[in-house]
PDB file of N, CA and C in Angstrom:
ATOM      1  N   UNK A   1     -18.835  29.203  -1.224  1.00  0.00           N
ATOM      2  CA  UNK A   1     -17.575  29.322  -0.302  1.00  0.00           C
ATOM      3  C   UNK A   1     -17.322  28.082   0.551  1.00  0.00           C
ATOM      4  N   UNK A   2     -18.485  27.818   1.283  1.00  0.00           N
ATOM      5  CA  UNK A   2     -18.410  26.318   2.280  1.00  0.00           C
ATOM      6  C   UNK A   2     -18.144  25.365   1.376  1.00  0.00           C
ATOM      7  N   UNK A   3     -18.493  25.380   0.170  1.00  0.00           N
ATOM      8  CA  UNK A   3     -18.476  23.890  -0.644  1.00  0.00           C
ATOM      9  C   UNK A   3     -16.888  23.771  -0.986  1.00  0.00           C
ATOM     10  N   UNK A   4     -16.553  25.051  -1.280  1.00  0.00           N
ATOM     11  CA  UNK A   4     -14.845  25.045  -1.309  1.00  0.00           C
ATOM     12  C   UNK A   4     -14.043  24.954  -0.345  1.00  0.00           C
ATOM     13  N   UNK A   5     -14.413  25.191   0.816  1.00  0.00           N
ATOM     14  CA  UNK A   5     -13.737  24.921   2.093  1.00  0.00           C
ATOM     15  C   UNK A   5     -13.667  23.371   2.418  1.00  0.00           C
ATOM     16  N   UNK A   6     -15.032  22.819   2.147  1.00  0.00           N
ATOM     17  CA  UNK A   6     -15.141  21.671   2.439  1.00  0.00           C
ATOM     18  C   UNK A   6     -14.152  20.588   1.297  1.00  0.00           C
ATOM     19  N   UNK A   7     -14.401  20.933   0.240  1.00  0.00           N
ATOM     20  CA  UNK A   7     -13.484  20.252  -0.992  1.00  0.00           C
ATOM     21  C   UNK A   7     -12.155  20.320  -0.763  1.00  0.00           C
ATOM     22  N   UNK A   8     -11.765  21.571  -0.272  1.00  0.00           N
ATOM     23  CA  UNK A   8     -10.152  21.724  -0.054  1.00  0.00           C
ATOM     24  C   UNK A   8      -9.903  20.919   1.092  1.00  0.00           C
ATOM     25  N   UNK A   9     -10.515  21.123   2.231  1.00  0.00           N
ATOM     26  CA  UNK A   9     -10.227  20.435   3.422  1.00  0.00           C
ATOM     27  C   UNK A   9     -10.073  18.684   3.114  1.00  0.00           C
ATOM     28  N   UNK A  10     -11.150  18.316   2.447  1.00  0.00           N
ATOM     29  CA  UNK A  10     -10.890  16.601   1.955  1.00  0.00           C
ATOM     30  C   UNK A  10      -9.659  16.617   1.208  1.00  0.00           C
ATOM     31  N   UNK A  11      -9.195  17.271   0.268  1.00  0.00           N
ATOM     32  CA  UNK A  11      -8.228  16.936  -0.525  1.00  0.00           C
ATOM     33  C   UNK A  11      -6.919  17.171   0.215  1.00  0.00           C
ATOM     34  N   UNK A  12      -6.909  17.996   1.246  1.00  0.00           N
ATOM     35  CA  UNK A  12      -5.437  18.107   1.846  1.00  0.00           C
ATOM     36  C   UNK A  12      -5.526  17.206   2.885  1.00  0.00           C
ATOM     37  N   UNK A  13      -6.400  16.743   3.304  1.00  0.00           N
ATOM     38  CA  UNK A  13      -6.373  15.710   4.379  1.00  0.00           C
ATOM     39  C   UNK A  13      -5.909  14.448   3.674  1.00  0.00           C
ATOM     40  N   UNK A  14      -6.466  13.926   2.672  1.00  0.00           N
ATOM     41  CA  UNK A  14      -5.985  12.951   1.523  1.00  0.00           C
ATOM     42  C   UNK A  14      -4.532  12.907   1.208  1.00  0.00           C
ATOM     43  N   UNK A  15      -4.273  14.310   0.951  1.00  0.00           N
ATOM     44  CA  UNK A  15      -2.915  14.443   0.257  1.00  0.00           C
ATOM     45  C   UNK A  15      -1.879  14.075   1.371  1.00  0.00           C
ATOM     46  N   UNK A  16      -2.285  14.810   2.666  1.00  0.00           N
ATOM     47  CA  UNK A  16      -1.498  14.601   3.664  1.00  0.00           C
ATOM     48  C   UNK A  16      -1.059  13.248   4.049  1.00  0.00           C
ATOM     49  N   UNK A  17      -2.118  12.344   4.169  1.00  0.00           N
ATOM     50  CA  UNK A  17      -2.170  10.832   4.552  1.00  0.00           C
ATOM     51  C   UNK A  17      -1.204  10.196   3.331  1.00  0.00           C
ATOM     52  N   UNK A  18      -1.433  10.445   1.996  1.00  0.00           N
ATOM     53  CA  UNK A  18      -0.517   9.893   1.193  1.00  0.00           C
ATOM     54  C   UNK A  18       0.700  10.170   1.298  1.00  0.00           C
ATOM     55  N   UNK A  19       0.975  11.405   1.414  1.00  0.00           N
ATOM     56  CA  UNK A  19       2.444  11.867   1.564  1.00  0.00           C
ATOM     57  C   UNK A  19       3.048  11.407   2.858  1.00  0.00           C
ATOM     58  N   UNK A  20       2.278  11.103   3.984  1.00  0.00           N
ATOM     59  CA  UNK A  20       2.831  10.425   5.371  1.00  0.00           C
ATOM     60  C   UNK A  20       3.125   8.914   4.633  1.00  0.00           C
ATOM     61  N   UNK A  21       2.321   8.221   4.021  1.00  0.00           N
ATOM     62  CA  UNK A  21       2.716   6.907   3.480  1.00  0.00           C
ATOM     63  C   UNK A  21       3.845   6.977   2.433  1.00  0.00           C
ATOM     64  N   UNK A  22       4.075   7.752   1.793  1.00  0.00           N
ATOM     65  CA  UNK A  22       5.037   7.847   0.803  1.00  0.00           C
ATOM     66  C   UNK A  22       6.511   8.122   1.414  1.00  0.00           C
ATOM     67  N   UNK A  23       6.286   9.165   2.609  1.00  0.00           N
ATOM     68  CA  UNK A  23       7.427   9.302   3.310  1.00  0.00           C
ATOM     69  C   UNK A  23       7.858   8.065   4.103  1.00  0.00           C
ATOM     70  N   UNK A  24       7.014   7.387   4.453  1.00  0.00           N
ATOM     71  CA  UNK A  24       7.499   6.062   5.296  1.00  0.00           C
ATOM     72  C   UNK A  24       8.208   5.149   4.373  1.00  0.00           C
ATOM     73  N   UNK A  25       8.043   5.158   2.877  1.00  0.00           N
ATOM     74  CA  UNK A  25       8.714   4.102   2.312  1.00  0.00           C
ATOM     75  C   UNK A  25       9.914   4.632   1.478  1.00  0.00           C
ATOM     76  N   UNK A  26      10.476   5.696   2.168  1.00  0.00           N
ATOM     77  CA  UNK A  26      11.659   6.327   1.269  1.00  0.00           C
ATOM     78  C   UNK A  26      12.723   5.353   1.486  1.00  0.00           C
ATOM     79  N   UNK A  27      13.010   4.916   2.733  1.00  0.00           N
ATOM     80  CA  UNK A  27      14.113   3.873   2.837  1.00  0.00           C
ATOM     81  C   UNK A  27      14.050   2.638   1.983  1.00  0.00           C
ATOM     82  N   UNK A  28      12.735   2.191   2.057  1.00  0.00           N
ATOM     83  CA  UNK A  28      12.499   0.978   0.826  1.00  0.00           C
ATOM     84  C   UNK A  28      13.032   1.217  -0.512  1.00  0.00           C
ATOM     85  N   UNK A  29      12.452   2.437  -0.911  1.00  0.00           N
ATOM     86  CA  UNK A  29      12.921   3.174  -2.270  1.00  0.00           C
ATOM     87  C   UNK A  29      14.452   3.177  -2.470  1.00  0.00           C
ATOM     88  N   UNK A  30      15.206   3.575  -1.474  1.00  0.00           N
ATOM     89  CA  UNK A  30      16.429   3.583  -1.480  1.00  0.00           C
ATOM     90  C   UNK A  30      17.090   2.129  -1.541  1.00  0.00           C
ATOM     91  N   UNK A  31      16.693   1.430  -0.746  1.00  0.00           N
ATOM     92  CA  UNK A  31      17.070  -0.287  -1.018  1.00  0.00           C
ATOM     93  C   UNK A  31      16.724  -0.873  -2.277  1.00  0.00           C
ATOM     94  N   UNK A  32      15.678  -0.611  -2.824  1.00  0.00           N
ATOM     95  CA  UNK A  32      15.286  -1.256  -4.161  1.00  0.00           C
ATOM     96  C   UNK A  32      16.441  -0.529  -5.163  1.00  0.00           C
ATOM     97  N   UNK A  33      16.375   0.891  -4.906  1.00  0.00           N
ATOM     98  CA  UNK A  33      17.390   1.617  -5.889  1.00  0.00           C
ATOM     99  C   UNK A  33      18.856   0.924  -5.938  1.00  0.00           C
ATOM    100  N   UNK A  34      19.304   0.554  -4.642  1.00  0.00           N
ATOM    101  CA  UNK A  34      20.622   0.103  -4.339  1.00  0.00           C
ATOM    102  C   UNK A  34      20.585  -1.367  -5.082  1.00  0.00           C
ATOM    103  N   UNK A  35      19.551  -2.252  -4.823  1.00  0.00           N
ATOM    104  CA  UNK A  35      19.278  -3.463  -5.104  1.00  0.00           C
ATOM    105  C   UNK A  35      19.508  -3.486  -6.850  1.00  0.00           C
ATOM    106  N   UNK A  36      18.717  -2.978  -7.338  1.00  0.00           N
ATOM    107  CA  UNK A  36      18.384  -2.878  -8.688  1.00  0.00           C
ATOM    108  C   UNK A  36      19.778  -2.585  -9.441  1.00  0.00           C
ATOM    109  N   UNK A  37      20.608  -1.628  -9.028  1.00  0.00           N
ATOM    110  CA  UNK A  37      21.443  -1.209  -9.426  1.00  0.00           C
ATOM    111  C   UNK A  37      22.930  -1.616  -9.176  1.00  0.00           C
ATOM    112  N   UNK A  38      22.913  -2.631  -8.372  1.00  0.00           N
ATOM    113  CA  UNK A  38      23.838  -3.440  -7.954  1.00  0.00           C
ATOM    114  C   UNK A  38      23.979  -4.916  -8.443  1.00  0.00           C
ATOM    115  N   UNK A  39      25.182  -5.517  -7.922  1.00  0.00           N
ATOM    116  CA  UNK A  39      25.227  -6.853  -8.127  1.00  0.00           C
ATOM    117  C   UNK A  39      24.237  -7.853  -7.893  1.00  0.00           C
ATOM    118  N   UNK A  40      23.848  -7.930  -6.840  1.00  0.00           N
ATOM    119  CA  UNK A  40      22.731  -8.767  -6.163  1.00  0.00           C
ATOM    120  C   UNK A  40      21.563  -9.045  -7.083  1.00  0.00           C
ATOM    121  N   UNK A  41      21.177  -7.878  -7.585  1.00  0.00           N
ATOM    122  CA  UNK A  41      19.881  -7.875  -8.417  1.00  0.00           C
ATOM    123  C   UNK A  41      20.460  -8.762  -9.810  1.00  0.00           C
ATOM    124  N   UNK A  42      21.636  -8.614 -10.254  1.00  0.00           N
ATOM    125  CA  UNK A  42      21.997  -9.132 -11.472  1.00  0.00           C
ATOM    126  C   UNK A  42      22.313 -10.747 -11.141  1.00  0.00           C
ATOM    127  N   UNK A  43      22.775 -11.164  -9.932  1.00  0.00           N
ATOM    128  CA  UNK A  43      23.036 -12.451  -9.374  1.00  0.00           C
ATOM    129  C   UNK A  43      21.575 -13.178  -9.233  1.00  0.00           C
ATOM    130  N   UNK A  44      20.713 -12.403  -8.717  1.00  0.00           N
ATOM    131  CA  UNK A  44      19.392 -13.128  -8.556  1.00  0.00           C
ATOM    132  C   UNK A  44      18.629 -13.162  -9.922  1.00  0.00           C
ATOM    133  N   UNK A  45      18.920 -12.569 -10.805  1.00  0.00           N
ATOM    134  CA  UNK A  45      18.244 -12.572 -12.248  1.00  0.00           C
ATOM    135  C   UNK A  45      18.937 -13.947 -12.989  1.00  0.00           C
ATOM    136  N   UNK A  46      20.182 -13.992 -12.866  1.00  0.00           N
ATOM    137  CA  UNK A  46      21.186 -15.338 -13.336  1.00  0.00           C
ATOM    138  C   UNK A  46      20.706 -16.455 -12.752  1.00  0.00           C
ATOM    139  N   UNK A  47      20.663 -16.412 -11.437  1.00  0.00           N
ATOM    140  CA  UNK A  47      20.140 -17.464 -10.723  1.00  0.00           C
ATOM    141  C   UNK A  47      18.582 -18.031 -11.179  1.00  0.00           C
ATOM    142  N   UNK A  48      17.768 -17.043 -11.314  1.00  0.00           N
ATOM    143  CA  UNK A  48      16.490 -17.382 -11.634  1.00  0.00           C
ATOM    144  C   UNK A  48      16.603 -17.914 -13.021  1.00  0.00           C
ATOM    145  N   UNK A  49      17.261 -17.453 -13.898  1.00  0.00           N
ATOM    146  CA  UNK A  49      17.270 -17.946 -15.295  1.00  0.00           C
ATOM    147  C   UNK A  49      17.687 -19.320 -15.155  1.00  0.00           C
ATOM    148  N   UNK A  50      18.641 -19.664 -14.297  1.00  0.00           N
ATOM    149  CA  UNK A  50      19.126 -20.865 -14.424  1.00  0.00           C
ATOM    150  C   UNK A  50      18.585 -22.012 -13.521  1.00  0.00           C
ATOM    151  N   UNK A  51      17.098 -21.626 -13.076  1.00  0.00           N
ATOM    152  CA  UNK A  51      16.350 -22.460 -12.292  1.00  0.00           C
ATOM    153  C   UNK A  51      16.567 -22.590 -10.916  1.00  0.00           C
ATOM    154  N   UNK A  52      17.637 -21.882 -10.219  1.00  0.00           N
ATOM    155  CA  UNK A  52      18.158 -21.968  -9.051  1.00  0.00           C
ATOM    156  C   UNK A  52      17.126 -21.404  -8.167  1.00  0.00           C
ATOM    157  N   UNK A  53      16.456 -20.691  -8.100  1.00  0.00           N
ATOM    158  CA  UNK A  53      15.345 -20.113  -7.254  1.00  0.00           C
ATOM    159  C   UNK A  53      14.011 -20.988  -7.017  1.00  0.00           C
ATOM    160  N   UNK A  54      13.399 -20.913  -6.026  1.00  0.00           N
ATOM    161  CA  UNK A  54      12.398 -21.942  -5.524  1.00  0.00           C
ATOM    162  C   UNK A  54      11.091 -21.499  -6.750  1.00  0.00           C
ATOM    163  N   UNK A  55      10.418 -22.416  -7.255  1.00  0.00           N
ATOM    164  CA  UNK A  55       9.407 -22.220  -8.216  1.00  0.00           C
ATOM    165  C   UNK A  55       8.218 -21.076  -7.623  1.00  0.00           C
ATOM    166  N   UNK A  56       7.845 -21.409  -6.512  1.00  0.00           N
ATOM    167  CA  UNK A  56       6.931 -20.459  -5.793  1.00  0.00           C
ATOM    168  C   UNK A  56       7.305 -19.209  -5.509  1.00  0.00           C
ATOM    169  N   UNK A  57       8.524 -18.901  -5.797  1.00  0.00           N
ATOM    170  CA  UNK A  57       9.059 -17.334  -5.280  1.00  0.00           C
ATOM    171  C   UNK A  57       8.579 -16.237  -6.323  1.00  0.00           C
ATOM    172  N   UNK A  58       7.905 -15.344  -5.783  1.00  0.00           N
ATOM    173  CA  UNK A  58       7.416 -14.216  -6.659  1.00  0.00           C
ATOM    174  C   UNK A  58       8.698 -13.583  -7.165  1.00  0.00           C
ATOM    175  N   UNK A  59       8.506 -13.236  -8.405  1.00  0.00           N
ATOM    176  CA  UNK A  59       9.517 -12.669  -9.235  1.00  0.00           C
ATOM    177  C   UNK A  59       9.338 -11.270  -9.696  1.00  0.00           C
ATOM    178  N   UNK A  60       8.444 -10.542  -9.371  1.00  0.00           N
ATOM    179  CA  UNK A  60       8.194  -9.205  -9.843  1.00  0.00           C
ATOM    180  C   UNK A  60       9.561  -8.268  -9.756  1.00  0.00           C
ATOM    181  N   UNK A  61      10.188  -8.456  -8.656  1.00  0.00           N
ATOM    182  CA  UNK A  61      11.459  -7.530  -8.457  1.00  0.00           C
ATOM    183  C   UNK A  61      12.545  -8.113  -9.406  1.00  0.00           C
ATOM    184  N   UNK A  62      12.470  -9.208 -10.130  1.00  0.00           N
ATOM    185  CA  UNK A  62      13.246  -9.648 -11.021  1.00  0.00           C
ATOM    186  C   UNK A  62      13.119  -9.564 -12.665  1.00  0.00           C
ATOM    187  N   UNK A  63      11.939  -8.786 -12.602  1.00  0.00           N
ATOM    188  CA  UNK A  63      11.604  -8.275 -14.081  1.00  0.00           C
ATOM    189  C   UNK A  63      12.305  -7.039 -14.230  1.00  0.00           C
ATOM    190  N   UNK A  64      12.887  -6.915 -15.663  1.00  0.00           N
ATOM    191  CA  UNK A  64      13.756  -5.995 -15.974  1.00  0.00           C
ATOM    192  C   UNK A  64      12.818  -4.455 -15.721  1.00  0.00           C
ATOM    193  N   UNK A  65      11.549  -4.547 -16.014  1.00  0.00           N
ATOM    194  CA  UNK A  65      10.844  -3.404 -15.933  1.00  0.00           C
ATOM    195  C   UNK A  65      10.109  -2.784 -14.631  1.00  0.00           C
ATOM    196  N   UNK A  66       9.675  -3.775 -13.804  1.00  0.00           N
ATOM    197  CA  UNK A  66       9.116  -3.594 -12.649  1.00  0.00           C
ATOM    198  C   UNK A  66       9.587  -2.425 -11.757  1.00  0.00           C
ATOM    199  N   UNK A  67      11.072  -2.959 -11.245  1.00  0.00           N
ATOM    200  CA  UNK A  67      11.773  -1.971 -10.452  1.00  0.00           C
ATOM    201  C   UNK A  67      12.083  -0.689 -11.358  1.00  0.00           C
ATOM    202  N   UNK A  68      12.667  -0.852 -12.256  1.00  0.00           N
ATOM    203  CA  UNK A  68      12.851   0.436 -13.090  1.00  0.00           C
ATOM    204  C   UNK A  68      11.595   1.317 -13.356  1.00  0.00           C
ATOM    205  N   UNK A  69      10.660   0.896 -13.606  1.00  0.00           N
ATOM    206  CA  UNK A  69       9.564   1.737 -13.759  1.00  0.00           C
ATOM    207  C   UNK A  69       8.943   2.323 -12.512  1.00  0.00           C
ATOM    208  N   UNK A  70       9.010   1.455 -11.348  1.00  0.00           N
ATOM    209  CA  UNK A  70       8.688   2.237 -10.278  1.00  0.00           C
ATOM    210  C   UNK A  70       9.592   3.280  -9.756  1.00  0.00           C
ATOM    211  N   UNK A  71      10.805   2.950  -9.856  1.00  0.00           N
ATOM    212  CA  UNK A  71      11.916   4.174  -9.368  1.00  0.00           C
ATOM    213  C   UNK A  71      11.674   5.448 -10.326  1.00  0.00           C
ATOM    214  N   UNK A  72      11.397   4.980 -11.729  1.00  0.00           N
ATOM    215  CA  UNK A  72      11.058   6.255 -12.677  1.00  0.00           C
ATOM    216  C   UNK A  72       9.691   7.157 -12.229  1.00  0.00           C
ATOM    217  N   UNK A  73       8.657   6.345 -11.568  1.00  0.00           N
ATOM    218  CA  UNK A  73       7.572   6.812 -11.157  1.00  0.00           C
ATOM    219  C   UNK A  73       7.821   7.629 -10.015  1.00  0.00           C
ATOM    220  N   UNK A  74       8.836   7.224  -9.080  1.00  0.00           N
ATOM    221  CA  UNK A  74       9.077   7.720  -7.734  1.00  0.00           C
ATOM    222  C   UNK A  74       9.860   9.070  -8.155  1.00  0.00           C
ATOM    223  N   UNK A  75      10.706   9.009  -9.001  1.00  0.00           N
ATOM    224  CA  UNK A  75      11.333  10.282  -9.807  1.00  0.00           C
ATOM    225  C   UNK A  75      10.441  11.313 -10.166  1.00  0.00           C
ATOM    226  N   UNK A  76       9.499  10.833 -11.052  1.00  0.00           N
ATOM    227  CA  UNK A  76       8.493  11.885 -11.661  1.00  0.00           C
ATOM    228  C   UNK A  76       7.693  12.295 -10.561  1.00  0.00           C
ATOM    229  N   UNK A  77       7.263  11.563  -9.556  1.00  0.00           N
ATOM    230  CA  UNK A  77       6.551  12.224  -8.321  1.00  0.00           C
ATOM    231  C   UNK A  77       7.276  13.200  -7.744  1.00  0.00           C
ATOM    232  N   UNK A  78       8.736  12.844  -7.327  1.00  0.00           N
ATOM    233  CA  UNK A  78       9.354  13.751  -6.633  1.00  0.00           C
ATOM    234  C   UNK A  78       9.590  15.153  -7.547  1.00  0.00           C
ATOM    235  N   UNK A  79       9.627  15.004  -8.611  1.00  0.00           N
ATOM    236  CA  UNK A  79       9.644  16.306  -9.451  1.00  0.00           C
ATOM    237  C   UNK A  79       8.327  16.920  -9.446  1.00  0.00           C
ATOM    238  N   UNK A  80       7.266  16.491  -9.652  1.00  0.00           N
ATOM    239  CA  UNK A  80       5.986  17.030  -9.455  1.00  0.00           C
ATOM    240  C   UNK A  80       5.828  17.760  -8.155  1.00  0.00           C
ATOM    241  N   UNK A  81       6.074  17.185  -7.088  1.00  0.00           N
ATOM    242  CA  UNK A  81       6.042  17.540  -5.675  1.00  0.00           C
ATOM    243  C   UNK A  81       6.948  19.005  -5.697  1.00  0.00           C
ATOM    244  N   UNK A  82       8.008  18.925  -6.236  1.00  0.00           N
ATOM    245  CA  UNK A  82       8.913  20.057  -6.246  1.00  0.00           C
ATOM    246  C   UNK A  82       8.404  21.238  -6.867  1.00  0.00           C
ATOM    247  N   UNK A  83       7.744  20.744  -8.111  1.00  0.00           N
ATOM    248  CA  UNK A  83       7.358  21.796  -9.080  1.00  0.00           C
ATOM    249  C   UNK A  83       6.034  22.304  -8.525  1.00  0.00           C
ATOM    250  N   UNK A  84       5.297  21.786  -7.847  1.00  0.00           N
ATOM    251  CA  UNK A  84       3.991  22.024  -7.140  1.00  0.00           C
ATOM    252  C   UNK A  84       4.447  22.920  -6.327  1.00  0.00           C
ATOM    253  N   UNK A  85       5.293  22.567  -5.275  1.00  0.00           N
ATOM    254  CA  UNK A  85       5.823  23.334  -4.146  1.00  0.00           C
ATOM    255  C   UNK A  85       6.238  24.795  -4.640  1.00  0.00           C
ATOM    256  N   UNK A  86       6.921  24.843  -5.613  1.00  0.00           N
ATOM    257  CA  UNK A  86       7.556  26.049  -6.038  1.00  0.00           C
ATOM    258  C   UNK A  86       6.438  26.934  -6.742  1.00  0.00           C
ATOM    259  N   UNK A  87       5.581  26.201  -7.443  1.00  0.00           N
ATOM    260  CA  UNK A  87       4.658  27.204  -8.246  1.00  0.00           C
ATOM    261  C   UNK A  87       3.648  27.617  -7.054  1.00  0.00           C
ATOM    262  N   UNK A  88       3.455  26.912  -6.071  1.00  0.00           N
ATOM    263  CA  UNK A  88       2.095  27.329  -5.158  1.00  0.00           C
ATOM    264  C   UNK A  88       2.607  28.222  -4.065  1.00  0.00           C
ATOM    265  N   UNK A  89       3.941  28.380  -3.719  1.00  0.00           N
ATOM    266  CA  UNK A  89       4.371  29.213  -2.740  1.00  0.00           C
ATOM    267  C   UNK A  89       3.863  30.837  -3.011  1.00  0.00           C
ATOM    268  N   UNK A  90       3.584  30.924  -4.623  1.00  0.00           N
ATOM    269  CA  UNK A  90       3.146  32.222  -4.737  1.00  0.00           C
ATOM    270  C   UNK A  90       1.556  32.513  -4.312  1.00  0.00           C
ATOM    271  N   UNK A  91       0.872  31.438  -4.359  1.00  0.00           N
ATOM    272  CA  UNK A  91      -0.635  31.428  -4.047  1.00  0.00           C
ATOM    273  C   UNK A  91      -0.985  31.482  -2.400  1.00  0.00           C
ATOM    274  N   UNK A  92      -0.033  31.368  -1.629  1.00  0.00           N
ATOM    275  CA  UNK A  92      -0.306  31.571  -0.221  1.00  0.00           C
ATOM    276  C   UNK A  92       0.076  32.958   0.365  1.00  0.00           C
TER     277      UNK A  92
END
């Protein structure tokens, strides 16, 4: 039982810290979502294709998959968190 207590304690502390970090970036997720779904992303993409952006500028956000995949991962994580919370209410 002591081993279980220690194992669960460590997991709870790590998950709590990770959730704190995830909560801190919620505004950034919303900004990325608005950017990717709006006209500014399209303009930046077209400008990049036309060579109008500096060569040394990082372009991960302009790839068609990076932001989409990240937002999809966030959505999936939110679903998992909700499902976990719903399922585990019964266990406490």
